[in-house]
Protein backbone atom coordinates (compact mmCIF):
# COMPACT_ATOMS: atom_id res chain seq x y z
CA ASN A 1 78.07 48.82 59.21
CA PRO A 2 76.91 48.45 55.51
CA ALA A 3 79.82 50.34 54.18
CA GLY A 4 82.40 47.87 55.57
CA ARG A 5 84.26 50.36 57.69
CA VAL A 6 87.18 49.08 59.82
CA TRP A 7 87.71 50.68 63.23
CA ARG A 8 91.24 52.13 63.64
CA ARG A 9 93.42 51.42 66.57
CA HIS A 10 93.34 55.01 67.99
CA GLU A 11 89.54 55.09 67.64
CA LEU A 12 89.22 51.83 69.68
CA VAL A 13 91.62 52.97 72.32
CA SER A 14 89.75 56.27 72.81
CA LEU A 15 86.43 54.32 72.94
CA ALA A 16 87.81 51.88 75.43
CA ALA A 17 89.07 54.61 77.64
CA ALA A 18 85.78 56.59 77.56
CA CYS A 19 83.84 53.45 78.34
CA ALA A 20 86.12 52.40 81.13
CA ARG A 21 85.85 55.93 82.64
CA HIS A 22 82.14 55.81 82.66
CA GLY A 23 81.62 52.18 83.52
CA VAL A 24 80.04 51.17 80.22
CA VAL A 25 80.05 47.62 79.03
CA VAL A 26 81.04 47.35 75.38
CA VAL A 27 79.62 44.53 73.22
CA GLU A 28 81.99 43.78 70.31
CA ASP A 29 80.51 41.97 67.31
CA ALA A 30 83.65 40.54 65.71
CA ILE A 31 81.97 38.08 63.28
CA TRP A 32 83.42 39.96 60.29
CA ALA A 33 86.84 40.31 61.73
CA ASP A 34 88.54 37.79 59.46
CA TRP A 35 87.24 39.75 56.46
CA CYS A 36 89.41 42.89 56.72
CA LEU A 37 90.58 43.67 53.21
CA TRP A 38 93.58 45.47 51.45
CA GLY A 39 95.94 44.68 54.28
CA GLN A 40 93.64 46.51 56.83
CA PRO A 41 94.48 45.14 60.32
CA PHE A 42 91.76 44.06 62.68
CA VAL A 43 92.37 45.41 66.10
CA PRO A 44 90.54 43.34 68.86
CA LEU A 45 88.77 45.46 71.44
CA ALA A 46 90.68 43.51 74.03
CA VAL A 47 93.91 44.81 72.76
CA ALA A 48 92.73 48.41 72.53
CA ALA A 49 91.29 48.21 76.09
CA ALA A 50 94.67 46.96 77.43
CA GLU A 51 96.41 49.94 75.67
CA ALA A 52 93.85 52.35 77.05
CA ALA A 53 94.32 50.96 80.52
CA ALA A 54 98.05 51.29 80.25
CA GLU A 55 97.81 54.85 79.15
CA THR A 56 95.31 55.93 81.81
CA GLY A 57 96.60 53.74 84.63
CA GLY A 58 93.04 52.68 85.36
CA PRO A 59 91.29 49.30 84.76
CA PRO A 60 90.28 48.21 81.15
CA CYS A 61 86.76 48.61 80.05
CA MET A 62 84.35 45.75 80.52
CA ARG A 63 83.84 43.83 77.29
CA VAL A 64 81.74 41.18 75.74
CA THR A 65 83.08 39.90 72.41
CA PHE A 66 81.01 37.69 69.94
CA GLY A 67 82.56 35.82 66.94
CA ALA A 68 81.66 32.89 64.68
CA PRO A 69 83.15 31.16 61.59
CA SER A 70 80.07 31.72 59.70
CA LYS A 71 81.23 34.74 57.61
CA SER A 72 84.84 33.58 57.43
CA TRP A 73 84.09 30.21 55.93
CA ASN A 74 80.40 30.29 55.02
CA LEU A 75 79.46 27.91 57.80
CA GLY A 76 76.23 29.71 58.89
CA GLY A 77 74.42 26.36 58.72
CA LEU A 78 76.42 25.00 61.47
CA HIS A 79 74.91 27.33 63.98
CA ALA A 80 78.30 27.65 65.81
CA ALA A 81 79.55 30.76 67.53
CA TRP A 82 81.67 31.83 70.51
CA VAL A 83 81.51 34.50 73.16
CA ASN A 84 84.39 35.96 75.18
CA PHE A 85 84.27 38.04 78.37
CA SER A 86 86.70 40.68 79.88
CA ASP A 87 85.89 39.24 83.49
CA GLY A 88 84.43 36.53 85.36
CA ALA A 89 81.54 38.51 86.64
CA LEU A 90 80.21 39.23 83.26
CA ARG A 91 80.65 35.54 82.19
CA GLN A 92 78.62 34.43 85.27
CA ALA A 93 75.86 36.83 84.48
CA TYR A 94 75.76 35.59 80.82
CA LEU A 95 75.69 31.92 82.03
CA ALA A 96 72.94 32.65 84.42
CA GLN A 97 70.70 33.52 81.51
CA ALA A 98 72.07 31.26 78.75
CA GLU A 99 72.47 27.86 80.56
CA PRO A 100 68.74 27.43 81.44
CA ALA A 101 67.97 27.88 77.78
CA ALA A 102 70.70 25.37 76.71
CA LEU A 103 72.59 28.15 74.75
CA THR A 104 76.03 27.53 76.19
CA PHE A 105 77.08 24.81 73.71
CA GLY A 106 76.66 23.73 70.12
CA SER A 107 76.14 20.36 68.53
CA ALA A 108 79.11 17.97 68.27
CA PHE A 109 79.21 18.56 64.43
CA ALA A 110 79.03 22.31 64.90
CA THR A 111 81.85 22.26 67.47
CA GLU A 112 84.09 19.97 65.49
CA GLY A 113 83.36 22.10 62.30
CA MET A 114 84.23 25.32 64.03
CA ALA A 115 87.50 23.89 65.47
CA ALA A 116 88.49 22.53 62.06
CA ALA A 117 87.93 25.90 60.34
CA TYR A 118 89.97 27.76 62.75
CA THR A 119 92.82 25.20 62.67
CA HIS A 120 92.99 24.38 59.08
CA GLY A 121 91.06 27.08 57.25
CA GLY A 122 93.71 29.86 56.98
CA PRO A 123 94.98 29.06 53.49
CA TRP A 124 91.42 28.75 52.05
CA LEU A 125 90.40 32.06 53.65
CA ARG A 126 93.46 33.93 52.34
CA GLN A 127 92.77 32.76 48.77
CA ALA A 128 89.00 33.65 49.24
CA LYS A 129 89.87 37.09 50.34
CA ALA A 130 92.25 37.63 47.46
CA TYR A 131 89.48 36.49 44.97
CA VAL A 132 86.95 38.77 46.50
CA GLN A 133 89.34 41.76 46.35
CA ASP A 134 89.62 41.07 42.58
CA ASN A 135 85.86 40.86 42.41
CA LEU A 136 85.41 44.23 44.10
CA ALA A 137 88.01 45.88 41.81
CA PHE A 138 86.28 44.42 38.78
CA VAL A 139 82.73 45.80 39.92
CA ALA A 140 84.29 49.20 40.64
CA GLY A 141 85.81 49.42 37.29
CA TYR A 142 82.84 47.99 35.38
CA LEU A 143 80.50 50.56 36.96
CA ARG A 144 82.95 53.42 36.40
CA GLU A 145 83.10 52.61 32.52
CA HIS A 146 79.65 51.34 31.92
CA VAL A 147 77.20 52.50 34.69
CA PRO A 148 78.50 55.81 35.89
CA GLU A 149 75.13 56.61 37.57
CA ILE A 150 75.88 54.03 40.22
CA GLU A 151 78.76 54.82 42.58
CA PRO A 152 80.35 52.02 44.51
CA LEU A 153 81.81 52.57 47.95
CA VAL A 154 84.58 49.84 48.05
CA PRO A 155 84.52 48.38 51.51
CA ARG A 156 87.50 48.13 53.79
CA ALA A 157 86.22 44.88 55.14
CA THR A 158 83.54 42.31 54.26
CA TYR A 159 82.49 41.17 50.81
CA LEU A 160 79.46 43.38 50.68
CA LEU A 161 79.56 46.40 48.19
CA TRP A 162 77.53 49.48 49.09
CA LEU A 163 76.18 51.08 45.93
CA ASP A 164 75.06 54.67 45.76
CA CYS A 165 72.21 54.69 43.23
CA SER A 166 70.92 58.24 43.93
CA ALA A 167 71.97 59.37 40.39
CA LEU A 168 69.39 56.90 38.94
CA GLY A 169 66.68 59.42 40.23
CA PHE A 170 64.33 57.20 42.12
CA LEU A 171 62.39 58.99 44.72
CA SER A 172 61.58 56.14 47.08
CA ALA A 173 63.26 52.84 48.24
CA ASP A 174 60.32 50.91 46.78
CA SER A 175 60.79 52.27 43.41
CA LEU A 176 64.55 51.58 43.31
CA ASN A 177 63.86 48.08 44.69
CA ARG A 178 61.26 47.41 41.93
CA PHE A 179 63.74 48.65 39.30
CA MET A 180 66.36 46.22 40.53
CA LEU A 181 64.07 43.30 40.69
CA GLU A 182 61.84 43.79 37.72
CA GLU A 183 64.07 45.51 35.28
CA ALA A 184 67.59 44.37 36.28
CA ARG A 185 66.35 41.01 37.58
CA LEU A 186 68.56 41.38 40.63
CA LEU A 187 67.58 40.88 44.29
CA LEU A 188 69.97 43.12 46.21
CA SER A 189 69.76 44.27 49.85
CA SER A 190 67.83 47.49 50.17
CA GLY A 191 69.70 50.44 51.91
CA PHE A 192 66.35 51.36 53.49
CA SER A 193 66.56 48.27 55.77
CA PHE A 194 69.72 49.81 57.26
CA ALA A 195 68.40 53.32 57.67
CA PRO A 196 65.62 55.39 56.19
CA GLU A 197 68.13 58.00 54.79
CA ALA A 198 69.84 55.18 52.88
CA ARG A 199 66.80 54.68 50.63
CA SER A 200 68.95 55.32 47.45
CA TYR A 201 71.51 52.66 48.41
CA GLN A 202 71.71 48.91 47.50
CA ARG A 203 74.12 46.43 48.85
CA LEU A 204 75.75 43.75 46.55
CA ASN A 205 77.37 40.42 47.71
CA CYS A 206 80.66 40.02 45.83
CA ALA A 207 81.61 36.67 47.53
CA CYS A 208 80.59 34.64 44.29
CA SER A 209 82.22 33.31 41.20
CA ARG A 210 83.33 35.85 38.63
CA PRO A 211 80.85 34.51 36.06
CA VAL A 212 77.99 35.15 38.36
CA LEU A 213 79.40 38.66 38.97
CA VAL A 214 79.86 39.37 35.21
CA GLU A 215 76.22 38.28 34.59
CA THR A 216 75.05 40.62 37.39
CA MET A 217 76.91 43.68 35.99
CA SER A 218 75.57 42.74 32.54
CA ARG A 219 72.05 42.80 33.67
CA LEU A 220 72.51 45.95 35.70
CA ARG A 221 74.09 47.67 32.66
CA ARG A 222 71.21 46.75 30.37
CA ALA A 223 68.58 47.96 32.88
CA VAL A 224 70.33 51.24 33.32
CA GLU A 225 70.88 51.82 29.58
CA LYS A 226 67.18 51.18 29.06
CA LEU A 227 66.29 53.73 31.83
CA ARG A 228 68.77 56.21 30.38
CA ALA A 229 67.21 55.97 26.98
CA SER A 230 63.68 56.27 28.34
CA ARG A 231 64.60 59.57 29.97
CA ALA A 232 66.54 61.03 27.06
CA PRO A 233 65.15 64.18 25.65
CA THR A 234 63.22 63.90 22.29
CA THR A 235 64.04 67.59 21.44
CA ALA A 236 67.12 69.79 21.92
CA PRO A 237 68.06 70.02 25.51
CA ALA A 238 67.00 73.01 27.44
CA PHE A 239 70.60 73.45 28.80
CA ALA A 240 73.98 73.16 27.34
CA PRO A 241 76.00 70.03 28.31
CA LEU A 242 78.41 70.46 31.11
CA SER A 243 81.85 71.06 29.79
CA ARG A 244 84.96 69.26 30.84
CA GLU A 245 86.36 72.58 32.15
CA SER A 246 83.29 73.31 34.41
CA THR A 247 83.12 69.93 36.15
CA PRO A 248 85.40 68.41 38.82
CA PRO A 249 87.86 65.82 37.55
CA ASP A 250 86.64 62.23 37.99
CA ALA A 251 88.44 60.30 40.83
CA ASP A 252 89.54 57.86 38.29
CA THR A 253 90.49 60.22 35.49
CA GLY A 254 94.07 59.79 36.63
CA THR A 255 94.03 56.09 36.19
CA PRO A 256 96.16 55.08 33.08
CA GLY A 257 93.81 53.99 30.27
CA ASP A 258 90.59 55.03 32.14
CA ALA A 259 90.33 58.62 31.16
CA THR A 260 86.73 59.38 30.02
CA PRO A 261 85.32 62.58 28.60
CA ALA A 262 82.93 64.36 30.80
CA SER A 263 80.16 64.12 28.24
CA ALA A 264 80.15 60.36 28.66
CA SER A 265 78.64 60.92 32.22
CA PRO A 266 75.08 61.93 31.82
CA PRO A 267 73.52 64.59 34.20
CA ARG A 268 71.43 63.30 37.05
CA PRO A 269 68.02 62.11 35.84
CA ASN A 270 64.98 64.40 36.70
CA SER A 271 67.31 67.15 37.96
CA SER A 272 68.78 70.42 36.67
CA PRO A 273 72.41 70.47 35.65
CA ARG A 274 74.78 70.72 38.54
CA LYS A 275 76.23 74.10 39.08
CA THR A 276 79.91 73.88 39.74
CA ARG A 277 80.86 74.53 43.36
CA TRP A 278 84.55 73.93 42.66
CA PRO A 279 87.41 76.22 41.60
CA GLU A 280 88.89 75.75 38.21
CA PRO A 281 90.61 72.41 38.29
CA PRO A 282 93.86 71.56 36.74
CA ASP A 283 93.96 69.54 33.58
CA PRO A 284 92.99 66.00 34.79
CA GLU A 285 94.73 64.51 31.64
CA ARG A 286 98.12 65.02 33.26
CA TYR A 287 97.48 62.08 35.56
CA ALA A 288 96.92 59.76 32.50
CA GLU A 289 100.05 60.82 30.67
CA ALA A 290 102.84 58.40 29.97
CA GLY A 291 105.16 58.40 32.93
CA SER A 292 102.56 59.68 35.38
CA LEU A 293 102.48 58.83 38.96
CA LEU A 294 100.19 55.87 38.69
CA GLU A 295 102.06 54.39 35.74
CA VAL A 296 105.23 54.53 37.64
CA LEU A 297 103.71 52.63 40.41
CA ASP A 298 102.20 50.11 38.03
CA ALA A 299 105.65 49.47 36.77
CA GLY A 300 106.81 48.41 40.26
CA HIS A 301 110.00 50.26 40.33
CA VAL A 302 108.63 52.40 43.19
CA ARG A 303 106.44 51.02 45.89
CA LEU A 304 104.40 52.93 48.49
CA LEU A 305 104.54 51.75 52.03
CA ARG A 306 101.24 51.36 53.92
CA ALA A 307 100.76 54.19 56.41
CA SER A 308 98.90 52.02 58.87
CA TRP A 309 101.67 49.41 58.74
CA LEU A 310 104.32 52.12 59.38
CA VAL A 311 102.32 53.41 62.36
CA GLU A 312 102.16 49.90 63.80
CA LEU A 313 105.85 49.22 63.31
CA ALA A 314 106.66 52.61 65.01
CA ARG A 315 104.40 51.84 67.99
CA GLY A 316 106.28 48.48 68.43
CA GLY A 317 109.61 50.27 68.44
CA GLY A 318 110.71 48.78 65.17
CA VAL A 319 113.29 49.75 62.62
CA LEU A 320 112.49 50.04 58.83
CA ALA A 321 114.12 47.43 56.72
CA ARG A 322 115.27 47.66 53.01
CA ARG A 323 112.50 47.30 50.55
CA GLN A 324 113.50 43.79 49.48
CA GLU A 325 113.26 42.66 53.07
CA LEU A 326 109.92 43.97 53.81
CA PRO A 327 106.72 41.72 53.86
CA ASP A 328 103.97 42.22 51.21
CA GLU A 329 101.54 43.66 53.79
CA ALA A 330 103.93 46.58 54.27
CA PHE A 331 103.09 47.99 50.76
CA LEU A 332 100.02 49.65 49.28
CA SER A 333 99.44 48.44 45.77
CA PRO A 334 98.44 50.58 42.76
CA THR A 335 95.13 48.79 42.67
CA GLU A 336 94.35 49.55 46.32
CA LEU A 337 95.39 53.14 45.79
CA ARG A 338 92.93 53.51 42.92
CA LEU A 339 90.18 52.01 45.10
CA ILE A 340 90.97 54.32 47.94
CA LEU A 341 90.69 57.13 45.57
CA LYS A 342 87.42 55.83 44.17
CA ALA A 343 85.91 55.32 47.67
CA SER A 344 87.02 58.60 48.90
CA GLY A 345 84.88 60.53 46.41
CA ASP A 346 85.76 62.69 43.40
CA ASN A 347 85.03 66.26 44.60
CA TYR A 348 87.63 67.04 46.96
CA PHE A 349 90.35 69.58 46.53
CA GLY A 350 93.23 70.64 48.67
CA PRO A 351 93.89 74.01 50.46
CA GLY A 352 93.13 76.84 48.07
CA GLY A 353 91.37 74.45 45.63
CA VAL A 354 94.53 74.11 43.50
CA ASP A 355 94.54 70.35 43.16
CA ARG A 356 93.02 67.14 44.46
CA VAL A 357 94.37 65.59 47.64
CA LEU A 358 96.09 62.30 46.84
CA PRO A 359 96.51 59.67 49.63
CA ILE A 360 100.26 59.89 49.38
CA VAL A 361 102.93 61.12 51.63
CA CYS A 362 106.55 61.65 50.71
CA ILE A 363 109.39 61.46 53.23
CA SER A 364 113.09 62.32 52.74
CA TYR A 365 115.86 63.08 55.18
CA VAL A 366 119.57 62.70 55.50
CA TRP A 367 120.74 59.14 56.37
CA ASP A 368 121.98 58.87 60.04
CA THR A 369 124.71 56.42 58.96
CA GLU A 370 126.07 55.13 55.71
CA GLU A 371 124.63 51.78 56.17
CA HIS A 372 121.15 52.78 57.37
CA PRO A 373 119.17 55.90 57.26
CA ASP A 374 117.63 55.25 60.68
CA PRO A 375 119.38 52.31 62.53
CA THR A 376 117.73 53.00 65.90
CA GLY A 377 114.22 53.71 64.71
CA GLU A 378 114.20 57.27 66.14
CA GLN A 379 113.24 58.77 62.76
CA LEU A 380 110.51 56.07 62.32
CA SER A 381 109.19 56.82 65.72
CA LEU A 382 108.82 60.51 64.77
CA VAL A 383 107.21 59.69 61.44
CA GLY A 384 104.87 57.19 62.99
CA ALA A 385 103.60 59.63 65.56
CA ALA A 386 103.10 62.28 62.96
CA LEU A 387 101.15 59.87 60.74
CA GLU A 388 98.95 58.72 63.60
CA ARG A 389 98.23 62.33 64.48
CA GLU A 390 97.40 63.47 60.93
CA LEU A 391 95.82 60.46 59.25
CA PRO A 392 92.47 60.83 61.09
CA LYS A 393 91.97 64.22 59.55
CA PHE A 394 91.94 62.69 56.16
CA ALA A 395 89.97 59.65 57.09
CA MET A 396 87.01 61.65 58.20
CA PRO A 397 84.23 62.44 55.75
CA GLY A 398 84.22 66.09 54.70
CA SER A 399 82.56 68.53 52.40
CA LEU A 400 81.89 68.28 48.69
CA GLY A 401 81.48 64.43 48.68
CA PHE A 402 84.89 63.69 50.26
CA GLN A 403 84.47 60.37 52.12
CA GLY A 404 87.87 59.96 53.62
CA PHE A 405 91.00 57.81 52.89
CA SER A 406 90.91 54.39 54.27
CA ASP A 407 94.72 54.32 54.15
CA VAL A 408 97.55 56.30 52.80
CA GLY A 409 100.65 55.34 50.78
CA VAL A 410 104.09 56.55 51.96
CA PHE A 411 106.99 57.10 49.64
CA TRP A 412 110.15 56.60 51.80
CA ASP A 413 113.17 55.94 49.70
CA PHE A 414 114.69 53.22 51.95
CA GLY A 415 111.48 51.10 51.81
CA SER A 416 110.12 52.29 48.44
CA LEU A 417 113.21 51.71 46.28
CA HIS A 418 115.47 48.75 45.85
CA GLN A 419 118.65 49.29 48.01
CA ARG A 420 122.09 48.31 47.27
CA PRO A 421 123.20 45.55 49.61
CA PHE A 422 126.20 46.37 51.96
CA GLY A 423 129.00 43.85 52.77
CA SER A 424 131.49 42.12 50.70
CA GLU A 425 132.35 43.22 47.12
CA ALA A 426 130.70 40.15 45.73
CA GLU A 427 127.55 40.98 47.73
CA ALA A 428 127.69 44.58 46.55
CA ALA A 429 128.21 43.62 42.92
CA SER A 430 125.16 41.36 43.12
């Protein structure tokens, strides 16, 4: 899973149901479970299997789950891990093989270290994840501005960033690896080690201090600039530069302050100029104008609810509270929205090709009561079911470079805008 994809609840429920139906044992590697980012929830397979069994009326699928504190707290040196089974028969089958090899327990130091991490390590892990999220945003922004030939696929989980280097023009994994090592002086993980078709990809570990990451980006920028200069034509180009009007708008053109002329993005090395496959796009500058959508979100007067959070609230029979009463994880920040747009690709247009599809849903309806728009949660249940049904369509990769939205923001006035408190006159006046 080099791209850091997070399995969604409905996907896991469907998987568990299918495996239970065919008697397949599922092995779940949950070592990265603690590193879900941007508020993405981790859904244990045990939970999904129980839901699938409740829906089908049959037994849950057979399951073996592996986990460890190694990725969460950088404790790989302890050689400590754990395994969990869905039933006793699987456990006994495992022990029959593992016990003779003395693989059913760790050292005293490893066991105590693992227990301490799970007991006391929560605050540190939350701070580490916040730091890494900032690192990922920094790298994505830096590459967009200085090294547009390299496209980052921002992960939904893990601290590992998948980099699409195909626009650099190297024809083999070996040549790309040599460029990174000898020219950029960087030793990254080669995409070829994951799959032969990923030979144009590299993987970068962003779980490091910011100065180290700044130096990494500086080395990469210098190497790519040198490569770009070596391939620059010495005479007039044989083709006219692509105009702004004939190329698709960049995914981040709409980011305030980040608008970049199309001429700043060079054509792919060793290739002919791209022929546009897109309809005539609208003026991308409108997304960067003062008062644009993203600037409104940056100001904080309007907040988008996280679609995945709304789905979970609806599934649990909850009721939406006022914005000022909602937890932080209920909201999708402007930074996350930009990263979702960046990761989704920049070549996707909506029906009829009239506009890009943005990961935003707007909901509005008449309030059921004066005090609360949906006091029983009936409207939320309908909205949650609709979101759960429709979101997978936009999460799946499609044509023209669209990679899918990892989540979607929802504008719902009751949760997105500050609400007037009800009650006494003094409370209302406040």
